[in-house]
Amino acid sequence: MTSIKHALFMIAGMTFLTPCVHAQNKDLNSMSIDALRDRANHDDKEADKIYKKKLNEKYKNKTVSEDIINEALIEVDQSYCTNGLNYFAEKINQCYMNYQKIDQSMNKCILEDLSLIIFYQKIVDYVQDKTGKIITREPFLTSQEILDREQKYFIPIYGNVKNTIVYFTPGMNIILDKMYQCADQIINRVQQQ
């Protein structure tokens, strides 16, 4: 008898609670992405789900602007092509430090960062394939540093790393082409000396 009573209270409780949860979701659906992000950062699981869903919708079929790509190309030319990989990494780190608020105004920093991560990984893989040696990673490009930047910059803006990569891929391809051209020029200069 006790278990039947308990079951009835559970059913009655779920019946009364369900509209409340539905009402909360309705309220969450009407919130801005920024407000949802704030609630998600305070361990609100429902807000987190809706936040990620809205981000996916927002960035679906969108890509980084040509203006940002052109700004990043200039930076690559002035930093990486002229002063090398470490200098470029420093410039990217400084780029992030120029912003107080984490939002899309950081797109140039993120585009350059993602491009450098991919470029550097290709160098590491190439050297390991050709020599069998593992390169000691630059501090800015260690797995932990990259993960920290993903958590601090990429995920709060784009919801997850996949969305970030999809959004920036067309720009990364252009930036990587420029970096490869500069690398070829550097190799040719060294071989001619």
N, C-alpha and C. Protein backbone atom coordinates (compact mmCIF):
# COMPACT_ATOMS: atom_id res chain seq x y z
N MET A 1 0.82 -1.19 0.00
CA MET A 1 0.00 0.00 0.00
C MET A 1 0.86 1.25 0.00
N THR A 2 1.96 1.21 0.79
CA THR A 2 2.85 2.36 0.87
C THR A 2 3.47 2.65 -0.48
N SER A 3 3.86 1.59 -1.18
CA SER A 3 4.49 1.82 -2.48
C SER A 3 3.50 2.39 -3.50
N ILE A 4 2.22 2.01 -3.41
CA ILE A 4 1.21 2.57 -4.32
C ILE A 4 1.02 4.05 -4.02
N LYS A 5 0.94 4.37 -2.72
CA LYS A 5 0.80 5.78 -2.33
C LYS A 5 1.99 6.59 -2.82
N HIS A 6 3.18 6.02 -2.62
CA HIS A 6 4.41 6.68 -3.05
C HIS A 6 4.40 6.90 -4.56
N ALA A 7 3.97 5.89 -5.31
CA ALA A 7 3.90 5.99 -6.76
C ALA A 7 2.90 7.06 -7.20
N LEU A 8 1.76 7.14 -6.52
CA LEU A 8 0.76 8.16 -6.85
C LEU A 8 1.31 9.56 -6.59
N PHE A 9 2.02 9.72 -5.47
CA PHE A 9 2.62 11.03 -5.18
C PHE A 9 3.67 11.38 -6.24
N MET A 10 4.43 10.40 -6.67
CA MET A 10 5.44 10.63 -7.71
C MET A 10 4.78 11.07 -9.01
N ILE A 11 3.72 10.37 -9.41
CA ILE A 11 3.01 10.71 -10.64
C ILE A 11 2.39 12.09 -10.53
N ALA A 12 1.74 12.34 -9.38
CA ALA A 12 1.13 13.65 -9.16
C ALA A 12 2.19 14.74 -9.16
N GLY A 13 3.33 14.46 -8.55
CA GLY A 13 4.42 15.44 -8.50
C GLY A 13 4.96 15.73 -9.88
N MET A 14 5.11 14.69 -10.70
CA MET A 14 5.61 14.89 -12.06
C MET A 14 4.61 15.67 -12.89
N THR A 15 3.34 15.42 -12.64
CA THR A 15 2.30 16.13 -13.38
C THR A 15 2.34 17.62 -13.06
N PHE A 16 2.55 17.94 -11.79
CA PHE A 16 2.59 19.35 -11.40
C PHE A 16 3.90 20.01 -11.79
N LEU A 17 4.98 19.24 -11.80
CA LEU A 17 6.29 19.81 -12.12
C LEU A 17 6.50 19.99 -13.62
N THR A 18 5.93 19.15 -14.42
CA THR A 18 6.14 19.20 -15.86
C THR A 18 5.81 20.56 -16.46
N PRO A 19 4.66 21.17 -16.15
CA PRO A 19 4.40 22.50 -16.71
C PRO A 19 5.43 23.52 -16.27
N CYS A 20 5.93 23.37 -15.05
CA CYS A 20 6.94 24.32 -14.55
C CYS A 20 8.23 24.20 -15.36
N VAL A 21 8.67 22.97 -15.61
CA VAL A 21 9.89 22.78 -16.40
C VAL A 21 9.68 23.29 -17.81
N HIS A 22 8.49 22.99 -18.38
CA HIS A 22 8.18 23.47 -19.73
C HIS A 22 8.17 25.00 -19.77
N ALA A 23 7.61 25.60 -18.73
CA ALA A 23 7.59 27.07 -18.66
C ALA A 23 9.01 27.62 -18.57
N GLN A 24 9.88 26.94 -17.80
CA GLN A 24 11.27 27.39 -17.71
C GLN A 24 11.95 27.32 -19.08
N ASN A 25 11.71 26.22 -19.81
CA ASN A 25 12.32 26.07 -21.13
C ASN A 25 11.82 27.15 -22.07
N LYS A 26 10.52 27.46 -21.97
CA LYS A 26 9.96 28.51 -22.81
C LYS A 26 10.66 29.84 -22.51
N ASP A 27 10.87 30.12 -21.22
CA ASP A 27 11.58 31.33 -20.82
C ASP A 27 13.02 31.31 -21.34
N LEU A 28 13.67 30.15 -21.24
CA LEU A 28 15.05 30.02 -21.72
C LEU A 28 15.12 30.26 -23.23
N ASN A 29 14.15 29.74 -23.96
CA ASN A 29 14.15 29.91 -25.42
C ASN A 29 14.05 31.37 -25.84
N SER A 30 13.46 32.18 -25.00
CA SER A 30 13.31 33.60 -25.34
C SER A 30 14.52 34.44 -24.88
N MET A 31 15.46 33.82 -24.19
CA MET A 31 16.63 34.56 -23.69
C MET A 31 17.66 34.77 -24.80
N SER A 32 18.45 35.80 -24.63
CA SER A 32 19.54 36.07 -25.58
C SER A 32 20.64 35.02 -25.41
N ILE A 33 21.47 34.90 -26.42
CA ILE A 33 22.59 33.94 -26.36
C ILE A 33 23.51 34.30 -25.20
N ASP A 34 23.77 35.59 -24.98
CA ASP A 34 24.65 36.00 -23.88
C ASP A 34 24.08 35.61 -22.52
N ALA A 35 22.77 35.81 -22.35
CA ALA A 35 22.13 35.45 -21.08
C ALA A 35 22.16 33.94 -20.87
N LEU A 36 21.94 33.19 -21.94
CA LEU A 36 22.01 31.73 -21.85
C LEU A 36 23.42 31.27 -21.49
N ARG A 37 24.43 31.92 -22.11
CA ARG A 37 25.82 31.55 -21.81
C ARG A 37 26.11 31.79 -20.33
N ASP A 38 25.63 32.91 -19.81
CA ASP A 38 25.85 33.20 -18.38
C ASP A 38 25.21 32.13 -17.50
N ARG A 39 23.99 31.75 -17.82
CA ARG A 39 23.31 30.71 -17.04
C ARG A 39 24.00 29.37 -17.21
N ALA A 40 24.45 29.07 -18.42
CA ALA A 40 25.15 27.81 -18.67
C ALA A 40 26.46 27.77 -17.88
N ASN A 41 27.13 28.90 -17.77
CA ASN A 41 28.37 28.97 -17.00
C ASN A 41 28.15 28.78 -15.51
N HIS A 42 26.90 28.89 -15.09
CA HIS A 42 26.56 28.66 -13.68
C HIS A 42 25.85 27.32 -13.50
N ASP A 43 26.24 26.37 -14.35
CA ASP A 43 25.79 24.97 -14.27
C ASP A 43 24.31 24.76 -14.50
N ASP A 44 23.67 25.61 -15.28
CA ASP A 44 22.28 25.40 -15.67
C ASP A 44 22.29 24.54 -16.92
N LYS A 45 22.00 23.26 -16.76
CA LYS A 45 22.10 22.28 -17.85
C LYS A 45 21.13 22.59 -18.99
N GLU A 46 19.91 22.97 -18.66
CA GLU A 46 18.92 23.29 -19.69
C GLU A 46 19.35 24.52 -20.48
N ALA A 47 19.84 25.52 -19.78
CA ALA A 47 20.32 26.73 -20.46
C ALA A 47 21.49 26.38 -21.37
N ASP A 48 22.36 25.48 -20.92
CA ASP A 48 23.51 25.06 -21.72
C ASP A 48 23.05 24.39 -23.02
N LYS A 49 22.06 23.51 -22.93
CA LYS A 49 21.54 22.83 -24.13
C LYS A 49 20.97 23.84 -25.14
N ILE A 50 20.17 24.77 -24.63
CA ILE A 50 19.54 25.75 -25.52
C ILE A 50 20.58 26.70 -26.08
N TYR A 51 21.57 27.07 -25.26
CA TYR A 51 22.67 27.94 -25.69
C TYR A 51 23.41 27.30 -26.87
N LYS A 52 23.78 26.04 -26.73
CA LYS A 52 24.51 25.35 -27.79
C LYS A 52 23.66 25.20 -29.05
N LYS A 53 22.38 24.93 -28.87
CA LYS A 53 21.48 24.81 -30.02
C LYS A 53 21.39 26.13 -30.77
N LYS A 54 21.24 27.23 -30.03
CA LYS A 54 21.16 28.56 -30.67
C LYS A 54 22.47 28.91 -31.37
N LEU A 55 23.61 28.56 -30.76
CA LEU A 55 24.90 28.83 -31.40
C LEU A 55 25.03 28.04 -32.70
N ASN A 56 24.63 26.77 -32.67
CA ASN A 56 24.70 25.96 -33.89
C ASN A 56 23.87 26.58 -35.00
N GLU A 57 22.68 27.05 -34.65
CA GLU A 57 21.81 27.69 -35.64
C GLU A 57 22.43 28.99 -36.15
N LYS A 58 23.02 29.75 -35.23
CA LYS A 58 23.58 31.06 -35.58
C LYS A 58 24.73 30.93 -36.58
N TYR A 59 25.59 29.95 -36.39
CA TYR A 59 26.79 29.85 -37.23
C TYR A 59 26.67 28.84 -38.36
N LYS A 60 25.52 28.19 -38.48
CA LYS A 60 25.33 27.24 -39.57
C LYS A 60 25.41 27.99 -40.90
N ASN A 61 26.21 27.48 -41.80
CA ASN A 61 26.39 28.05 -43.14
C ASN A 61 26.98 29.46 -43.13
N LYS A 62 27.69 29.82 -42.10
CA LYS A 62 28.36 31.12 -42.05
C LYS A 62 29.86 30.90 -41.95
N THR A 63 30.59 31.92 -42.32
CA THR A 63 32.04 31.81 -42.27
C THR A 63 32.65 33.16 -41.91
N VAL A 64 33.90 33.11 -41.57
CA VAL A 64 34.63 34.32 -41.20
C VAL A 64 34.64 35.30 -42.39
N SER A 65 34.59 36.59 -42.08
CA SER A 65 34.49 37.60 -43.14
C SER A 65 35.81 37.78 -43.90
N GLU A 66 35.69 38.29 -45.11
CA GLU A 66 36.87 38.57 -45.93
C GLU A 66 37.75 39.64 -45.28
N ASP A 67 37.14 40.61 -44.61
CA ASP A 67 37.91 41.65 -43.93
C ASP A 67 38.83 41.06 -42.87
N ILE A 68 38.30 40.12 -42.09
CA ILE A 68 39.11 39.47 -41.05
C ILE A 68 40.22 38.65 -41.70
N ILE A 69 39.89 37.94 -42.76
CA ILE A 69 40.91 37.13 -43.47
C ILE A 69 42.01 38.05 -43.98
N ASN A 70 41.66 39.18 -44.58
CA ASN A 70 42.66 40.11 -45.10
C ASN A 70 43.52 40.71 -43.99
N GLU A 71 42.91 41.03 -42.85
CA GLU A 71 43.69 41.53 -41.71
C GLU A 71 44.68 40.47 -41.24
N ALA A 72 44.21 39.23 -41.18
CA ALA A 72 45.08 38.13 -40.74
C ALA A 72 46.21 37.89 -41.75
N LEU A 73 45.92 38.02 -43.05
CA LEU A 73 46.97 37.86 -44.06
C LEU A 73 48.07 38.90 -43.89
N ILE A 74 47.68 40.12 -43.59
CA ILE A 74 48.67 41.18 -43.34
C ILE A 74 49.52 40.83 -42.13
N GLU A 75 48.86 40.34 -41.07
CA GLU A 75 49.60 39.97 -39.85
C GLU A 75 50.56 38.82 -40.12
N VAL A 76 50.12 37.83 -40.89
CA VAL A 76 50.99 36.70 -41.23
C VAL A 76 52.21 37.22 -41.99
N ASP A 77 51.99 38.09 -42.95
CA ASP A 77 53.09 38.64 -43.74
C ASP A 77 54.07 39.42 -42.87
N GLN A 78 53.54 40.25 -41.98
CA GLN A 78 54.39 41.10 -41.14
C GLN A 78 55.03 40.34 -39.98
N SER A 79 54.35 39.31 -39.49
CA SER A 79 54.86 38.59 -38.33
C SER A 79 55.59 37.31 -38.71
N TYR A 80 54.83 36.33 -39.20
CA TYR A 80 55.43 35.03 -39.50
C TYR A 80 56.44 35.12 -40.64
N CYS A 81 56.06 35.69 -41.76
CA CYS A 81 56.93 35.70 -42.93
C CYS A 81 58.20 36.51 -42.70
N THR A 82 58.11 37.53 -41.89
CA THR A 82 59.25 38.41 -41.65
C THR A 82 60.07 37.99 -40.43
N ASN A 83 59.39 37.61 -39.36
CA ASN A 83 60.08 37.38 -38.09
C ASN A 83 59.97 35.97 -37.53
N GLY A 84 59.27 35.08 -38.20
CA GLY A 84 59.24 33.69 -37.79
C GLY A 84 58.06 33.28 -36.92
N LEU A 85 58.02 31.99 -36.67
CA LEU A 85 56.92 31.35 -35.99
C LEU A 85 56.74 31.84 -34.55
N ASN A 86 57.81 31.93 -33.79
CA ASN A 86 57.69 32.36 -32.39
C ASN A 86 57.15 33.79 -32.28
N TYR A 87 57.60 34.66 -33.18
CA TYR A 87 57.13 36.04 -33.17
C TYR A 87 55.63 36.07 -33.50
N PHE A 88 55.22 35.27 -34.46
CA PHE A 88 53.81 35.19 -34.84
C PHE A 88 52.97 34.69 -33.65
N ALA A 89 53.46 33.69 -32.93
CA ALA A 89 52.76 33.17 -31.74
C ALA A 89 52.62 34.28 -30.69
N GLU A 90 53.67 35.06 -30.50
CA GLU A 90 53.61 36.18 -29.55
C GLU A 90 52.55 37.20 -29.98
N LYS A 91 52.50 37.50 -31.27
CA LYS A 91 51.51 38.46 -31.78
C LYS A 91 50.08 37.96 -31.57
N ILE A 92 49.87 36.67 -31.75
CA ILE A 92 48.54 36.10 -31.53
C ILE A 92 48.17 36.22 -30.06
N ASN A 93 49.11 35.89 -29.19
CA ASN A 93 48.86 36.01 -27.75
C ASN A 93 48.53 37.45 -27.38
N GLN A 94 49.28 38.41 -27.93
CA GLN A 94 49.00 39.83 -27.68
C GLN A 94 47.63 40.21 -28.22
N CYS A 95 47.27 39.65 -29.35
CA CYS A 95 45.95 39.93 -29.96
C CYS A 95 44.85 39.58 -28.96
N TYR A 96 44.93 38.40 -28.35
CA TYR A 96 43.92 38.01 -27.37
C TYR A 96 43.90 38.98 -26.18
N MET A 97 45.06 39.44 -25.77
CA MET A 97 45.15 40.32 -24.60
C MET A 97 44.55 41.71 -24.87
N ASN A 98 44.38 42.06 -26.14
CA ASN A 98 43.82 43.37 -26.49
C ASN A 98 42.32 43.46 -26.24
N TYR A 99 41.68 42.34 -25.95
CA TYR A 99 40.22 42.33 -25.79
C TYR A 99 39.84 42.04 -24.35
N GLN A 100 38.93 42.86 -23.81
CA GLN A 100 38.43 42.65 -22.46
C GLN A 100 37.25 41.67 -22.46
N LYS A 101 36.46 41.73 -23.53
CA LYS A 101 35.27 40.90 -23.64
C LYS A 101 35.53 39.79 -24.64
N ILE A 102 35.10 38.60 -24.29
CA ILE A 102 35.28 37.46 -25.18
C ILE A 102 34.05 37.38 -26.10
N ASP A 103 34.27 37.78 -27.36
CA ASP A 103 33.19 37.74 -28.34
C ASP A 103 33.80 37.70 -29.74
N GLN A 104 32.97 37.88 -30.77
CA GLN A 104 33.43 37.75 -32.14
C GLN A 104 34.43 38.82 -32.58
N SER A 105 34.62 39.84 -31.77
CA SER A 105 35.63 40.84 -32.11
C SER A 105 37.03 40.21 -32.09
N MET A 106 37.14 39.02 -31.51
CA MET A 106 38.41 38.29 -31.45
C MET A 106 38.64 37.40 -32.67
N ASN A 107 37.80 37.48 -33.67
CA ASN A 107 37.88 36.55 -34.80
C ASN A 107 39.25 36.53 -35.47
N LYS A 108 39.90 37.67 -35.58
CA LYS A 108 41.22 37.70 -36.21
C LYS A 108 42.20 36.86 -35.38
N CYS A 109 42.15 37.02 -34.07
CA CYS A 109 43.04 36.26 -33.19
C CYS A 109 42.79 34.76 -33.34
N ILE A 110 41.51 34.38 -33.35
CA ILE A 110 41.16 32.96 -33.45
C ILE A 110 41.57 32.39 -34.80
N LEU A 111 41.34 33.14 -35.87
CA LEU A 111 41.73 32.68 -37.21
C LEU A 111 43.24 32.45 -37.28
N GLU A 112 44.01 33.40 -36.79
CA GLU A 112 45.46 33.26 -36.80
C GLU A 112 45.90 32.09 -35.91
N ASP A 113 45.27 31.97 -34.75
CA ASP A 113 45.61 30.90 -33.81
C ASP A 113 45.35 29.53 -34.42
N LEU A 114 44.16 29.31 -34.94
CA LEU A 114 43.84 28.02 -35.55
C LEU A 114 44.78 27.70 -36.71
N SER A 115 45.09 28.70 -37.52
CA SER A 115 46.00 28.49 -38.65
C SER A 115 47.38 28.09 -38.15
N LEU A 116 47.87 28.77 -37.12
CA LEU A 116 49.18 28.45 -36.57
C LEU A 116 49.20 27.05 -35.97
N ILE A 117 48.14 26.68 -35.27
CA ILE A 117 48.07 25.34 -34.66
C ILE A 117 48.18 24.27 -35.75
N ILE A 118 47.42 24.42 -36.82
CA ILE A 118 47.45 23.43 -37.91
C ILE A 118 48.81 23.43 -38.60
N PHE A 119 49.33 24.59 -38.90
CA PHE A 119 50.63 24.71 -39.56
C PHE A 119 51.72 24.06 -38.72
N TYR A 120 51.74 24.38 -37.45
CA TYR A 120 52.77 23.85 -36.55
C TYR A 120 52.65 22.33 -36.43
N GLN A 121 51.43 21.82 -36.36
CA GLN A 121 51.24 20.37 -36.28
C GLN A 121 51.79 19.69 -37.53
N LYS A 122 51.60 20.31 -38.68
CA LYS A 122 52.14 19.74 -39.91
C LYS A 122 53.67 19.72 -39.89
N ILE A 123 54.29 20.76 -39.32
CA ILE A 123 55.75 20.78 -39.17
C ILE A 123 56.20 19.65 -38.25
N VAL A 124 55.54 19.52 -37.11
CA VAL A 124 55.88 18.47 -36.14
C VAL A 124 55.77 17.10 -36.79
N ASP A 125 54.66 16.86 -37.49
CA ASP A 125 54.45 15.57 -38.16
C ASP A 125 55.51 15.32 -39.23
N TYR A 126 55.84 16.35 -40.01
CA TYR A 126 56.82 16.22 -41.08
C TYR A 126 58.20 15.86 -40.51
N VAL A 127 58.62 16.59 -39.49
CA VAL A 127 59.93 16.33 -38.89
C VAL A 127 59.97 14.93 -38.29
N GLN A 128 58.90 14.54 -37.63
CA GLN A 128 58.88 13.20 -37.04
C GLN A 128 58.92 12.12 -38.12
N ASP A 129 58.17 12.32 -39.21
CA ASP A 129 58.17 11.34 -40.30
C ASP A 129 59.56 11.23 -40.95
N LYS A 130 60.22 12.37 -41.15
CA LYS A 130 61.50 12.38 -41.87
C LYS A 130 62.69 11.98 -40.99
N THR A 131 62.64 12.34 -39.70
CA THR A 131 63.80 12.11 -38.84
C THR A 131 63.55 11.14 -37.70
N GLY A 132 62.28 10.90 -37.40
CA GLY A 132 61.96 10.05 -36.26
C GLY A 132 62.04 10.81 -34.93
N LYS A 133 62.41 12.07 -34.99
CA LYS A 133 62.55 12.88 -33.77
C LYS A 133 61.26 13.62 -33.48
N ILE A 134 61.00 13.80 -32.20
CA ILE A 134 59.83 14.56 -31.78
C ILE A 134 60.30 15.95 -31.37
N ILE A 135 59.68 16.96 -31.97
CA ILE A 135 60.03 18.35 -31.68
C ILE A 135 59.43 18.74 -30.33
N THR A 136 60.24 19.42 -29.54
CA THR A 136 59.72 20.00 -28.30
C THR A 136 58.84 21.17 -28.70
N ARG A 137 57.61 21.13 -28.25
CA ARG A 137 56.64 22.15 -28.64
C ARG A 137 56.95 23.49 -28.00
N GLU A 138 56.67 24.54 -28.78
CA GLU A 138 56.77 25.89 -28.27
C GLU A 138 55.70 26.05 -27.18
N PRO A 139 55.98 26.84 -26.14
CA PRO A 139 55.01 26.96 -25.04
C PRO A 139 53.59 27.33 -25.48
N PHE A 140 53.45 28.23 -26.43
CA PHE A 140 52.13 28.66 -26.90
C PHE A 140 51.39 27.54 -27.62
N LEU A 141 52.14 26.52 -28.08
CA LEU A 141 51.56 25.47 -28.91
C LEU A 141 51.54 24.10 -28.25
N THR A 142 51.69 24.07 -26.93
CA THR A 142 51.55 22.79 -26.24
C THR A 142 50.07 22.40 -26.21
N SER A 143 49.81 21.14 -26.03
CA SER A 143 48.42 20.66 -26.00
C SER A 143 47.63 21.37 -24.91
N GLN A 144 48.24 21.57 -23.74
CA GLN A 144 47.53 22.22 -22.64
C GLN A 144 47.21 23.68 -22.95
N GLU A 145 48.16 24.39 -23.54
CA GLU A 145 47.91 25.80 -23.90
C GLU A 145 46.80 25.92 -24.94
N ILE A 146 46.82 25.02 -25.91
CA ILE A 146 45.77 25.02 -26.94
C ILE A 146 44.41 24.71 -26.31
N LEU A 147 44.37 23.71 -25.45
CA LEU A 147 43.12 23.36 -24.76
C LEU A 147 42.62 24.53 -23.92
N ASP A 148 43.53 25.21 -23.24
CA ASP A 148 43.13 26.38 -22.44
C ASP A 148 42.50 27.46 -23.31
N ARG A 149 43.09 27.72 -24.49
CA ARG A 149 42.51 28.73 -25.39
C ARG A 149 41.17 28.27 -25.96
N GLU A 150 41.06 26.98 -26.26
CA GLU A 150 39.76 26.47 -26.71
C GLU A 150 38.68 26.75 -25.67
N GLN A 151 38.99 26.45 -24.42
CA GLN A 151 38.02 26.64 -23.33
C GLN A 151 37.74 28.11 -23.08
N LYS A 152 38.76 28.94 -23.19
CA LYS A 152 38.61 30.35 -22.85
C LYS A 152 37.99 31.17 -23.99
N TYR A 153 38.35 30.87 -25.23
CA TYR A 153 37.93 31.71 -26.35
C TYR A 153 36.98 31.02 -27.32
N PHE A 154 37.35 29.84 -27.81
CA PHE A 154 36.59 29.21 -28.89
C PHE A 154 35.20 28.78 -28.44
N ILE A 155 35.13 28.01 -27.36
CA ILE A 155 33.86 27.44 -26.91
C ILE A 155 32.87 28.49 -26.42
N PRO A 156 33.30 29.49 -25.64
CA PRO A 156 32.31 30.50 -25.23
C PRO A 156 31.70 31.26 -26.40
N ILE A 157 32.43 31.44 -27.48
CA ILE A 157 31.91 32.19 -28.62
C ILE A 157 31.13 31.29 -29.57
N TYR A 158 31.66 30.11 -29.88
CA TYR A 158 31.09 29.26 -30.93
C TYR A 158 30.42 27.99 -30.42
N GLY A 159 30.41 27.77 -29.11
CA GLY A 159 29.70 26.64 -28.54
C GLY A 159 30.50 25.37 -28.43
N ASN A 160 31.36 25.09 -29.40
CA ASN A 160 32.25 23.93 -29.34
C ASN A 160 33.34 24.12 -30.39
N VAL A 161 34.34 23.26 -30.34
CA VAL A 161 35.48 23.39 -31.25
C VAL A 161 35.05 23.10 -32.70
N LYS A 162 34.14 22.16 -32.88
CA LYS A 162 33.68 21.82 -34.23
C LYS A 162 33.07 23.05 -34.92
N ASN A 163 32.18 23.76 -34.23
CA ASN A 163 31.60 24.98 -34.81
C ASN A 163 32.69 25.99 -35.16
N THR A 164 33.67 26.11 -34.28
CA THR A 164 34.76 27.05 -34.50
C THR A 164 35.51 26.71 -35.78
N ILE A 165 35.86 25.44 -35.92
CA ILE A 165 36.62 25.00 -37.09
C ILE A 165 35.80 25.20 -38.37
N VAL A 166 34.52 24.82 -38.34
CA VAL A 166 33.66 24.97 -39.52
C VAL A 166 33.60 26.45 -39.92
N TYR A 167 33.42 27.32 -38.95
CA TYR A 167 33.30 28.75 -39.22
C TYR A 167 34.58 29.32 -39.84
N PHE A 168 35.73 28.86 -39.37
CA PHE A 168 37.00 29.45 -39.78
C PHE A 168 37.71 28.72 -40.92
N THR A 169 37.26 27.54 -41.31
CA THR A 169 37.99 26.74 -42.32
C THR A 169 38.29 27.50 -43.62
N PRO A 170 37.33 28.18 -44.24
CA PRO A 170 37.68 28.90 -45.47
C PRO A 170 38.81 29.92 -45.25
N GLY A 171 38.78 30.63 -44.15
CA GLY A 171 39.85 31.59 -43.84
C GLY A 171 41.16 30.90 -43.53
N MET A 172 41.08 29.77 -42.79
CA MET A 172 42.31 29.04 -42.45
C MET A 172 43.01 28.55 -43.71
N ASN A 173 42.25 28.09 -44.69
CA ASN A 173 42.85 27.61 -45.94
C ASN A 173 43.67 28.72 -46.61
N ILE A 174 43.16 29.93 -46.62
CA ILE A 174 43.86 31.06 -47.23
C ILE A 174 45.10 31.43 -46.42
N ILE A 175 44.95 31.47 -45.10
CA ILE A 175 46.08 31.81 -44.22
C ILE A 175 47.16 30.74 -44.33
N LEU A 176 46.75 29.48 -44.33
CA LEU A 176 47.74 28.39 -44.43
C LEU A 176 48.48 28.44 -45.76
N ASP A 177 47.80 28.76 -46.85
CA ASP A 177 48.48 28.91 -48.14
C ASP A 177 49.58 29.96 -48.05
N LYS A 178 49.27 31.09 -47.42
CA LYS A 178 50.26 32.16 -47.25
C LYS A 178 51.43 31.68 -46.38
N MET A 179 51.13 30.96 -45.33
CA MET A 179 52.20 30.46 -44.44
C MET A 179 53.09 29.46 -45.17
N TYR A 180 52.50 28.60 -46.00
CA TYR A 180 53.30 27.66 -46.78
C TYR A 180 54.19 28.39 -47.79
N GLN A 181 53.65 29.43 -48.43
CA GLN A 181 54.45 30.23 -49.36
C GLN A 181 55.65 30.84 -48.64
N CYS A 182 55.41 31.39 -47.47
CA CYS A 182 56.51 31.99 -46.71
C CYS A 182 57.53 30.94 -46.28
N ALA A 183 57.04 29.78 -45.87
CA ALA A 183 57.95 28.70 -45.48
C ALA A 183 58.83 28.29 -46.65
N ASP A 184 58.25 28.19 -47.85
CA ASP A 184 59.02 27.85 -49.04
C ASP A 184 60.08 28.91 -49.31
N GLN A 185 59.71 30.18 -49.17
CA GLN A 185 60.68 31.26 -49.39
C GLN A 185 61.81 31.21 -48.38
N ILE A 186 61.49 30.92 -47.13
CA ILE A 186 62.52 30.82 -46.08
C ILE A 186 63.46 29.65 -46.40
N ILE A 187 62.91 28.52 -46.80
CA ILE A 187 63.73 27.34 -47.13
C ILE A 187 64.64 27.66 -48.31
N ASN A 188 64.11 28.33 -49.34
CA ASN A 188 64.92 28.68 -50.51
C ASN A 188 66.05 29.62 -50.13
N ARG A 189 65.79 30.61 -49.27
CA ARG A 189 66.84 31.54 -48.82
C ARG A 189 67.94 30.79 -48.06
N VAL A 190 67.54 29.87 -47.19
CA VAL A 190 68.53 29.12 -46.41
C VAL A 190 69.36 28.23 -47.32
N GLN A 191 68.73 27.61 -48.31
CA GLN A 191 69.46 26.73 -49.23
C GLN A 191 70.43 27.50 -50.11
N GLN A 192 70.12 28.77 -50.41
CA GLN A 192 71.00 29.58 -51.26
C GLN A 192 72.20 30.13 -50.49
N GLN A 193 72.16 30.11 -49.19
CA GLN A 193 73.27 30.66 -48.39
C GLN A 193 74.44 29.71 -48.34
